[in-house]
């Protein structure tokens, strides 16, 4: 994580937590050609537009004082992580144990690079997944993308 993201996360995390939500991630990137600081928040039951607006108002002033971009202009976005946000952090995997996830691998296993499975367990290096009734262990480094399965 960049210095901008680290300093922003340190500042906004207690504000977000004091309002019954959790900080998921901070990103700093160009969106449509404009530098953008994105603060992803979550809470049990999901995040509403009102939640995003509330946190935006609460962190805007403190971020102006912190000046994480050293005077460079940026847009501030506060957003939910979204239903299809890739699993990146330990907490993402832990929240999805027992749930269906879609996995894409860097290299195929048994001729398949993509599959849907149930996440059985996670540790810092590996996941155990149930694929069509068979448990397999995958090293995190083998996984290109893991996302919750979206069913309509």
C-alpha atoms as a PDB file:
ATOM      1  CA  UNK A   1       0.000   0.000   0.000  1.00  0.00           C
ATOM      2  CA  UNK A   2       1.311   3.432  -0.829  1.00  0.00           C
ATOM      3  CA  UNK A   3       2.187   6.071   1.739  1.00  0.00           C
ATOM      4  CA  UNK A   4      -0.945   7.989   0.680  1.00  0.00           C
ATOM      5  CA  UNK A   5      -3.136   4.943   1.321  1.00  0.00           C
ATOM      6  CA  UNK A   6      -1.400   4.072   4.591  1.00  0.00           C
ATOM      7  CA  UNK A   7      -1.719   7.562   6.073  1.00  0.00           C
ATOM      8  CA  UNK A   8      -5.324   7.851   4.908  1.00  0.00           C
ATOM      9  CA  UNK A   9      -6.234   4.455   6.386  1.00  0.00           C
ATOM     10  CA  UNK A  10      -4.635   5.343   9.729  1.00  0.00           C
ATOM     11  CA  UNK A  11      -6.627   8.584   9.873  1.00  0.00           C
ATOM     12  CA  UNK A  12     -10.052   7.354   8.738  1.00  0.00           C
ATOM     13  CA  UNK A  13     -10.189   3.896  10.346  1.00  0.00           C
ATOM     14  CA  UNK A  14     -11.106   5.119  13.862  1.00  0.00           C
ATOM     15  CA  UNK A  15     -13.717   7.522  12.442  1.00  0.00           C
ATOM     16  CA  UNK A  16     -15.310   4.733  10.408  1.00  0.00           C
ATOM     17  CA  UNK A  17     -15.241   2.260  13.318  1.00  0.00           C
ATOM     18  CA  UNK A  18     -16.755   4.846  15.689  1.00  0.00           C
ATOM     19  CA  UNK A  19     -19.736   4.888  13.315  1.00  0.00           C
ATOM     20  CA  UNK A  20     -20.316   1.123  13.392  1.00  0.00           C
ATOM     21  CA  UNK A  21     -18.580   0.320  10.127  1.00  0.00           C
ATOM     22  CA  UNK A  22     -15.243  -1.105   9.095  1.00  0.00           C
ATOM     23  CA  UNK A  23     -12.553   0.131   6.756  1.00  0.00           C
ATOM     24  CA  UNK A  24     -12.053  -2.445   4.000  1.00  0.00           C
ATOM     25  CA  UNK A  25      -9.401  -0.791   1.873  1.00  0.00           C
ATOM     26  CA  UNK A  26      -8.027   2.524   0.638  1.00  0.00           C
ATOM     27  CA  UNK A  27      -6.991   2.943  -2.995  1.00  0.00           C
ATOM     28  CA  UNK A  28      -5.353   5.878  -4.726  1.00  0.00           C
ATOM     29  CA  UNK A  29      -5.555   5.743  -8.506  1.00  0.00           C
ATOM     30  CA  UNK A  30      -6.607   7.658 -11.573  1.00  0.00           C
ATOM     31  CA  UNK A  31     -10.249   7.356 -12.527  1.00  0.00           C
ATOM     32  CA  UNK A  32     -11.183   8.952 -15.818  1.00  0.00           C
ATOM     33  CA  UNK A  33      -7.882  10.832 -15.753  1.00  0.00           C
ATOM     34  CA  UNK A  34      -8.396  12.302 -12.269  1.00  0.00           C
ATOM     35  CA  UNK A  35      -6.431  11.231  -9.185  1.00  0.00           C
ATOM     36  CA  UNK A  36      -8.972   9.622  -6.854  1.00  0.00           C
ATOM     37  CA  UNK A  37      -8.752   8.492  -3.249  1.00  0.00           C
ATOM     38  CA  UNK A  38     -11.260   5.690  -2.692  1.00  0.00           C
ATOM     39  CA  UNK A  39     -12.204   4.620   0.828  1.00  0.00           C
ATOM     40  CA  UNK A  40     -14.090   1.310   0.889  1.00  0.00           C
ATOM     41  CA  UNK A  41     -16.332   0.718   3.913  1.00  0.00           C
ATOM     42  CA  UNK A  42     -18.528  -2.171   4.992  1.00  0.00           C
ATOM     43  CA  UNK A  43     -20.865  -3.197   7.781  1.00  0.00           C
ATOM     44  CA  UNK A  44     -23.058  -6.138   8.661  1.00  0.00           C
ATOM     45  CA  UNK A  45     -26.015  -6.136   6.302  1.00  0.00           C
ATOM     46  CA  UNK A  46     -24.258  -3.963   3.730  1.00  0.00           C
ATOM     47  CA  UNK A  47     -23.546  -0.308   3.185  1.00  0.00           C
ATOM     48  CA  UNK A  48     -26.139   2.207   1.988  1.00  0.00           C
ATOM     49  CA  UNK A  49     -25.661   5.406   0.021  1.00  0.00           C
ATOM     50  CA  UNK A  50     -26.476   7.290   3.231  1.00  0.00           C
ATOM     51  CA  UNK A  51     -23.617   5.454   5.002  1.00  0.00           C
ATOM     52  CA  UNK A  52     -21.191   6.471   2.250  1.00  0.00           C
ATOM     53  CA  UNK A  53     -22.339  10.089   2.374  1.00  0.00           C
ATOM     54  CA  UNK A  54     -22.075  10.180   6.175  1.00  0.00           C
ATOM     55  CA  UNK A  55     -18.518   8.825   6.212  1.00  0.00           C
ATOM     56  CA  UNK A  56     -17.528  11.140   3.343  1.00  0.00           C
ATOM     57  CA  UNK A  57     -18.690  14.158   5.362  1.00  0.00           C
ATOM     58  CA  UNK A  58     -16.919  12.907   8.502  1.00  0.00           C
ATOM     59  CA  UNK A  59     -13.535  12.251   6.870  1.00  0.00           C
ATOM     60  CA  UNK A  60     -13.397  15.124   4.369  1.00  0.00           C
ATOM     61  CA  UNK A  61     -12.216  17.771   6.855  1.00  0.00           C
ATOM     62  CA  UNK A  62      -9.641  15.575   8.621  1.00  0.00           C
ATOM     63  CA  UNK A  63      -8.255  14.506   5.221  1.00  0.00           C
ATOM     64  CA  UNK A  64      -7.906  18.156   4.193  1.00  0.00           C
ATOM     65  CA  UNK A  65      -5.838  18.719   7.347  1.00  0.00           C
ATOM     66  CA  UNK A  66      -3.749  15.572   6.793  1.00  0.00           C
ATOM     67  CA  UNK A  67      -3.157  16.450   3.119  1.00  0.00           C
ATOM     68  CA  UNK A  68      -2.166  12.881   2.163  1.00  0.00           C
ATOM     69  CA  UNK A  69      -1.333  13.881  -1.423  1.00  0.00           C
ATOM     70  CA  UNK A  70       1.004  16.736  -0.414  1.00  0.00           C
ATOM     71  CA  UNK A  71      -1.115  19.425  -2.037  1.00  0.00           C
ATOM     72  CA  UNK A  72      -2.041  17.508  -5.201  1.00  0.00           C
ATOM     73  CA  UNK A  73      -5.733  17.739  -6.085  1.00  0.00           C
ATOM     74  CA  UNK A  74      -7.811  14.550  -5.890  1.00  0.00           C
ATOM     75  CA  UNK A  75     -11.410  13.373  -5.756  1.00  0.00           C
ATOM     76  CA  UNK A  76     -12.576  11.592  -2.612  1.00  0.00           C
ATOM     77  CA  UNK A  77     -14.929   8.635  -3.048  1.00  0.00           C
ATOM     78  CA  UNK A  78     -16.423   6.580  -0.235  1.00  0.00           C
ATOM     79  CA  UNK A  79     -17.861   3.311  -1.476  1.00  0.00           C
ATOM     80  CA  UNK A  80     -18.977  -0.144  -0.488  1.00  0.00           C
ATOM     81  CA  UNK A  81     -16.657  -2.932  -1.593  1.00  0.00           C
ATOM     82  CA  UNK A  82     -19.391  -4.341  -3.845  1.00  0.00           C
ATOM     83  CA  UNK A  83     -20.791  -7.833  -4.038  1.00  0.00           C
ATOM     84  CA  UNK A  84     -18.209  -9.044  -6.527  1.00  0.00           C
ATOM     85  CA  UNK A  85     -15.125  -7.516  -4.915  1.00  0.00           C
ATOM     86  CA  UNK A  86     -12.180  -9.909  -5.136  1.00  0.00           C
ATOM     87  CA  UNK A  87     -11.087 -11.631  -1.930  1.00  0.00           C
ATOM     88  CA  UNK A  88      -7.731 -10.053  -1.096  1.00  0.00           C
ATOM     89  CA  UNK A  89      -7.284  -9.883   2.631  1.00  0.00           C
ATOM     90  CA  UNK A  90      -7.509 -12.486   5.379  1.00  0.00           C
ATOM     91  CA  UNK A  91     -10.777 -10.957   6.562  1.00  0.00           C
ATOM     92  CA  UNK A  92     -12.243 -11.355   3.042  1.00  0.00           C
ATOM     93  CA  UNK A  93     -11.486 -15.066   3.019  1.00  0.00           C
ATOM     94  CA  UNK A  94     -12.604 -15.559   6.628  1.00  0.00           C
ATOM     95  CA  UNK A  95     -15.973 -13.909   5.923  1.00  0.00           C
ATOM     96  CA  UNK A  96     -16.544 -16.287   3.020  1.00  0.00           C
ATOM     97  CA  UNK A  97     -15.800 -19.611   4.720  1.00  0.00           C
ATOM     98  CA  UNK A  98     -18.715 -21.917   4.014  1.00  0.00           C
ATOM     99  CA  UNK A  99     -19.820 -19.824   1.041  1.00  0.00           C
ATOM    100  CA  UNK A 100     -19.577 -20.328  -2.699  1.00  0.00           C
ATOM    101  CA  UNK A 101     -16.695 -18.557  -4.442  1.00  0.00           C
ATOM    102  CA  UNK A 102     -15.433 -18.363  -8.015  1.00  0.00           C
ATOM    103  CA  UNK A 103     -11.718 -18.946  -8.486  1.00  0.00           C
ATOM    104  CA  UNK A 104      -9.456 -18.207 -11.446  1.00  0.00           C
ATOM    105  CA  UNK A 105      -5.966 -19.712 -11.345  1.00  0.00           C
ATOM    106  CA  UNK A 106      -2.748 -18.605 -12.988  1.00  0.00           C
ATOM    107  CA  UNK A 107      -2.065 -22.177 -14.143  1.00  0.00           C
ATOM    108  CA  UNK A 108      -4.674 -24.908 -14.744  1.00  0.00           C
ATOM    109  CA  UNK A 109      -5.189 -27.782 -12.315  1.00  0.00           C
ATOM    110  CA  UNK A 110      -6.746 -30.874 -13.827  1.00  0.00           C
ATOM    111  CA  UNK A 111      -7.214 -28.939 -17.062  1.00  0.00           C
ATOM    112  CA  UNK A 112      -9.276 -26.184 -15.412  1.00  0.00           C
ATOM    113  CA  UNK A 113      -8.277 -22.599 -14.657  1.00  0.00           C
ATOM    114  CA  UNK A 114     -11.718 -21.442 -13.480  1.00  0.00           C
ATOM    115  CA  UNK A 115     -14.167 -23.111 -11.152  1.00  0.00           C
ATOM    116  CA  UNK A 116     -16.842 -22.509  -8.545  1.00  0.00           C
ATOM    117  CA  UNK A 117     -16.340 -24.071  -5.128  1.00  0.00           C
ATOM    118  CA  UNK A 118     -17.211 -23.801  -1.456  1.00  0.00           C
ATOM    119  CA  UNK A 119     -14.498 -22.216   0.672  1.00  0.00           C
ATOM    120  CA  UNK A 120     -13.800 -24.651   3.522  1.00  0.00           C
ATOM    121  CA  UNK A 121     -10.873 -22.964   5.291  1.00  0.00           C
ATOM    122  CA  UNK A 122      -8.139 -20.374   4.957  1.00  0.00           C
ATOM    123  CA  UNK A 123      -4.721 -19.734   6.456  1.00  0.00           C
ATOM    124  CA  UNK A 124      -2.126 -17.185   5.375  1.00  0.00           C
ATOM    125  CA  UNK A 125      -0.732 -19.432   2.652  1.00  0.00           C
ATOM    126  CA  UNK A 126      -3.531 -21.775   1.559  1.00  0.00           C
ATOM    127  CA  UNK A 127      -7.230 -22.283   1.113  1.00  0.00           C
ATOM    128  CA  UNK A 128      -9.119 -25.538   1.229  1.00  0.00           C
ATOM    129  CA  UNK A 129     -12.030 -25.637  -1.189  1.00  0.00           C
ATOM    130  CA  UNK A 130     -14.746 -28.167  -1.951  1.00  0.00           C
ATOM    131  CA  UNK A 131     -14.959 -28.576  -5.727  1.00  0.00           C
ATOM    132  CA  UNK A 132     -17.722 -30.923  -6.885  1.00  0.00           C
ATOM    133  CA  UNK A 133     -17.514 -32.907  -3.640  1.00  0.00           C
ATOM    134  CA  UNK A 134     -13.708 -33.129  -3.628  1.00  0.00           C
ATOM    135  CA  UNK A 135     -11.569 -31.097  -1.241  1.00  0.00           C
ATOM    136  CA  UNK A 136      -8.521 -29.447  -2.756  1.00  0.00           C
ATOM    137  CA  UNK A 137      -5.831 -27.274  -1.219  1.00  0.00           C
ATOM    138  CA  UNK A 138      -4.603 -24.259  -3.153  1.00  0.00           C
ATOM    139  CA  UNK A 139      -1.730 -21.982  -2.315  1.00  0.00           C
ATOM    140  CA  UNK A 140      -2.835 -18.345  -2.351  1.00  0.00           C
ATOM    141  CA  UNK A 141      -0.079 -17.631  -4.906  1.00  0.00           C
ATOM    142  CA  UNK A 142      -1.815 -19.974  -7.383  1.00  0.00           C
ATOM    143  CA  UNK A 143      -4.991 -17.874  -7.306  1.00  0.00           C
ATOM    144  CA  UNK A 144      -5.262 -15.049  -9.838  1.00  0.00           C
ATOM    145  CA  UNK A 145      -8.718 -13.951  -8.610  1.00  0.00           C
ATOM    146  CA  UNK A 146     -11.158 -15.250  -6.014  1.00  0.00           C
ATOM    147  CA  UNK A 147     -14.613 -13.648  -5.767  1.00  0.00           C
ATOM    148  CA  UNK A 148     -17.887 -14.477  -4.043  1.00  0.00           C
ATOM    149  CA  UNK A 149     -20.247 -16.316  -6.376  1.00  0.00           C
ATOM    150  CA  UNK A 150     -23.102 -14.040  -7.400  1.00  0.00           C
ATOM    151  CA  UNK A 151     -26.402 -15.821  -7.923  1.00  0.00           C
ATOM    152  CA  UNK A 152     -29.596 -14.131  -9.003  1.00  0.00           C
END
